[in-house]
N, C-alpha and C. Protein backbone atom coordinates (compact mmCIF):
# COMPACT_ATOMS: atom_id res chain seq x y z
N UNK A 1 74.10 78.80 125.54
CA UNK A 1 73.95 77.35 125.43
C UNK A 1 73.56 76.96 124.01
N UNK A 2 72.80 77.84 123.34
CA UNK A 2 72.34 77.51 121.99
C UNK A 2 73.51 77.23 121.05
N UNK A 3 74.59 77.99 121.21
CA UNK A 3 75.72 77.81 120.31
C UNK A 3 76.92 77.13 120.97
N UNK A 4 76.67 76.32 121.97
CA UNK A 4 77.74 75.49 122.53
C UNK A 4 78.16 74.50 121.47
N UNK A 5 79.46 74.29 121.30
CA UNK A 5 79.91 73.36 120.27
C UNK A 5 79.38 71.94 120.51
N UNK A 6 79.00 71.30 119.45
CA UNK A 6 78.55 69.92 119.52
C UNK A 6 79.75 69.01 119.77
N UNK A 7 79.47 67.81 120.23
CA UNK A 7 80.50 66.78 120.47
C UNK A 7 81.58 67.27 121.43
N UNK A 8 81.18 68.05 122.42
CA UNK A 8 82.12 68.51 123.44
C UNK A 8 83.22 69.41 122.92
N UNK A 9 83.02 69.99 121.74
CA UNK A 9 84.04 70.85 121.15
C UNK A 9 85.07 70.10 120.32
N UNK A 10 84.92 68.79 120.22
CA UNK A 10 85.83 68.02 119.37
C UNK A 10 85.45 68.22 117.91
N UNK A 11 86.38 67.95 117.03
CA UNK A 11 86.19 68.08 115.59
C UNK A 11 85.04 67.19 115.12
N UNK A 12 84.07 67.78 114.46
CA UNK A 12 82.91 67.03 113.99
C UNK A 12 83.29 65.97 112.96
N UNK A 13 84.24 66.28 112.08
CA UNK A 13 84.67 65.29 111.09
C UNK A 13 85.41 64.15 111.79
N UNK A 14 86.19 64.49 112.79
CA UNK A 14 86.87 63.45 113.57
C UNK A 14 85.87 62.50 114.21
N UNK A 15 84.81 63.06 114.78
CA UNK A 15 83.77 62.23 115.40
C UNK A 15 83.11 61.34 114.34
N UNK A 16 82.90 61.89 113.15
CA UNK A 16 82.34 61.09 112.05
C UNK A 16 83.24 59.91 111.71
N UNK A 17 84.53 60.06 111.97
CA UNK A 17 85.50 59.00 111.71
C UNK A 17 85.81 58.17 112.95
N UNK A 18 85.08 58.43 114.03
CA UNK A 18 85.29 57.67 115.26
C UNK A 18 86.47 58.13 116.10
N UNK A 19 86.89 59.38 115.92
CA UNK A 19 88.05 59.93 116.64
C UNK A 19 87.64 61.17 117.41
N UNK A 20 88.44 61.53 118.40
CA UNK A 20 88.27 62.79 119.12
C UNK A 20 89.50 63.64 118.84
N UNK A 21 89.34 64.59 117.94
CA UNK A 21 90.40 65.52 117.57
C UNK A 21 90.01 66.89 118.09
N UNK A 22 90.98 67.67 118.54
CA UNK A 22 90.67 69.00 119.05
C UNK A 22 90.00 69.84 117.98
N UNK A 23 88.94 70.54 118.37
CA UNK A 23 88.28 71.46 117.46
C UNK A 23 88.97 72.81 117.50
N UNK A 24 89.04 73.48 116.37
CA UNK A 24 89.62 74.82 116.27
C UNK A 24 88.48 75.83 116.29
N UNK A 25 88.41 76.71 117.28
CA UNK A 25 87.31 77.67 117.36
C UNK A 25 87.26 78.65 116.19
N UNK A 26 88.30 78.65 115.35
CA UNK A 26 88.28 79.52 114.18
C UNK A 26 87.81 78.79 112.93
N UNK A 27 87.56 77.48 113.05
CA UNK A 27 87.11 76.68 111.91
C UNK A 27 85.79 76.03 112.31
N UNK A 28 84.69 76.66 111.94
CA UNK A 28 83.38 76.23 112.43
C UNK A 28 82.30 76.43 111.37
N UNK A 29 81.16 75.83 111.64
CA UNK A 29 79.98 75.99 110.79
C UNK A 29 78.75 75.76 111.65
N UNK A 30 77.73 76.58 111.46
CA UNK A 30 76.45 76.38 112.13
C UNK A 30 75.53 75.66 111.15
N UNK A 31 75.00 74.52 111.58
CA UNK A 31 74.09 73.72 110.77
C UNK A 31 72.84 73.47 111.60
N UNK A 32 71.70 73.87 111.07
CA UNK A 32 70.43 73.70 111.78
C UNK A 32 70.49 74.24 113.21
N UNK A 33 71.14 75.39 113.36
CA UNK A 33 71.20 76.04 114.67
C UNK A 33 72.20 75.43 115.64
N UNK A 34 73.06 74.53 115.18
CA UNK A 34 74.05 73.90 116.04
C UNK A 34 75.45 74.22 115.52
N UNK A 35 76.38 74.45 116.46
CA UNK A 35 77.75 74.81 116.12
C UNK A 35 78.63 73.56 116.06
N UNK A 36 79.33 73.41 114.95
CA UNK A 36 80.26 72.29 114.76
C UNK A 36 81.64 72.85 114.47
N UNK A 37 82.64 72.32 115.16
CA UNK A 37 84.03 72.71 114.95
C UNK A 37 84.75 71.64 114.14
N UNK A 38 85.81 72.06 113.46
CA UNK A 38 86.70 71.12 112.79
C UNK A 38 88.12 71.39 113.24
N UNK A 39 88.98 70.42 113.08
CA UNK A 39 90.35 70.50 113.57
C UNK A 39 91.18 71.51 112.77
N UNK A 40 90.91 71.66 111.47
CA UNK A 40 91.62 72.64 110.64
C UNK A 40 90.83 72.89 109.36
N UNK A 41 91.30 73.82 108.55
CA UNK A 41 90.57 74.20 107.33
C UNK A 41 90.51 73.08 106.30
N UNK A 42 91.57 72.30 106.17
CA UNK A 42 91.57 71.19 105.21
C UNK A 42 90.49 70.17 105.56
N UNK A 43 90.37 69.85 106.84
CA UNK A 43 89.35 68.91 107.30
C UNK A 43 87.96 69.52 107.09
N UNK A 44 87.85 70.82 107.28
CA UNK A 44 86.57 71.50 107.08
C UNK A 44 86.09 71.36 105.64
N UNK A 45 87.01 71.40 104.70
CA UNK A 45 86.65 71.21 103.29
C UNK A 45 86.02 69.85 103.10
N UNK A 46 86.61 68.82 103.67
CA UNK A 46 86.05 67.46 103.59
C UNK A 46 84.69 67.39 104.27
N UNK A 47 84.55 68.00 105.44
CA UNK A 47 83.30 68.04 106.19
C UNK A 47 82.20 68.64 105.31
N UNK A 48 82.52 69.75 104.66
CA UNK A 48 81.54 70.46 103.86
C UNK A 48 81.12 69.72 102.59
N UNK A 49 81.89 68.74 102.16
CA UNK A 49 81.53 67.97 100.96
C UNK A 49 80.26 67.15 101.15
N UNK A 50 80.00 66.71 102.39
CA UNK A 50 78.80 65.90 102.66
C UNK A 50 78.36 66.09 104.11
N UNK A 51 77.90 67.28 104.42
CA UNK A 51 77.51 67.58 105.80
C UNK A 51 76.43 66.62 106.30
N UNK A 52 75.34 66.39 105.56
CA UNK A 52 74.31 65.46 106.08
C UNK A 52 74.86 64.06 106.34
N UNK A 53 75.67 63.55 105.43
CA UNK A 53 76.25 62.21 105.62
C UNK A 53 77.23 62.17 106.78
N UNK A 54 78.05 63.22 106.90
CA UNK A 54 79.01 63.27 107.99
C UNK A 54 78.32 63.42 109.34
N UNK A 55 77.24 64.20 109.38
CA UNK A 55 76.48 64.33 110.62
C UNK A 55 75.85 63.00 111.03
N UNK A 56 75.36 62.28 110.06
CA UNK A 56 74.76 60.97 110.35
C UNK A 56 75.80 60.03 110.96
N UNK A 57 77.00 60.00 110.39
CA UNK A 57 78.08 59.17 110.92
C UNK A 57 78.50 59.63 112.31
N UNK A 58 78.64 60.96 112.48
CA UNK A 58 79.06 61.51 113.77
C UNK A 58 78.04 61.19 114.86
N UNK A 59 76.77 61.37 114.55
CA UNK A 59 75.73 61.06 115.53
C UNK A 59 75.77 59.59 115.93
N UNK A 60 75.99 58.72 114.96
CA UNK A 60 76.06 57.28 115.24
C UNK A 60 77.27 56.94 116.11
N UNK A 61 78.38 57.63 115.90
CA UNK A 61 79.61 57.35 116.64
C UNK A 61 79.65 57.98 118.03
N UNK A 62 79.04 59.14 118.19
CA UNK A 62 79.23 59.92 119.40
C UNK A 62 78.84 59.17 120.66
N UNK A 63 77.73 58.47 120.64
CA UNK A 63 77.30 57.79 121.86
C UNK A 63 78.32 56.76 122.34
N UNK A 64 79.05 56.15 121.44
CA UNK A 64 80.02 55.13 121.84
C UNK A 64 81.41 55.70 122.17
N UNK A 65 81.71 56.93 121.74
CA UNK A 65 83.04 57.47 122.01
C UNK A 65 83.05 58.65 122.99
N UNK A 66 81.89 59.21 123.30
CA UNK A 66 81.88 60.43 124.12
C UNK A 66 82.52 60.25 125.49
N UNK A 67 82.45 59.08 126.08
CA UNK A 67 83.02 58.84 127.39
C UNK A 67 84.46 58.33 127.35
N UNK A 68 85.03 58.20 126.17
CA UNK A 68 86.40 57.68 126.04
C UNK A 68 87.41 58.80 125.88
N UNK A 69 88.59 58.57 126.37
CA UNK A 69 89.69 59.52 126.20
C UNK A 69 90.12 59.54 124.74
N UNK A 70 90.52 60.70 124.21
CA UNK A 70 90.97 60.75 122.82
C UNK A 70 92.08 59.75 122.51
N UNK A 71 92.98 59.53 123.46
CA UNK A 71 94.09 58.60 123.23
C UNK A 71 93.63 57.15 123.15
N UNK A 72 92.42 56.86 123.63
CA UNK A 72 91.91 55.49 123.59
C UNK A 72 91.25 55.15 122.25
N UNK A 73 91.15 56.15 121.40
CA UNK A 73 90.50 55.91 120.11
C UNK A 73 91.53 55.76 119.06
């Protein structure tokens, strides 16, 4: 449970942008003991440019999008 992917396994950068994109289990990063996935390596590069800022955006977005279907976003 400790390393269950955050945001239901969706791409963390996508969540920061208000989207639900499939996370790739081969593109990940552990931050403060939590596992975050990204949709691909290119997106991971962007995620890594500002992890604290992206986490702040993702946390703010997640509560409003977690119950929505990806196609509804």
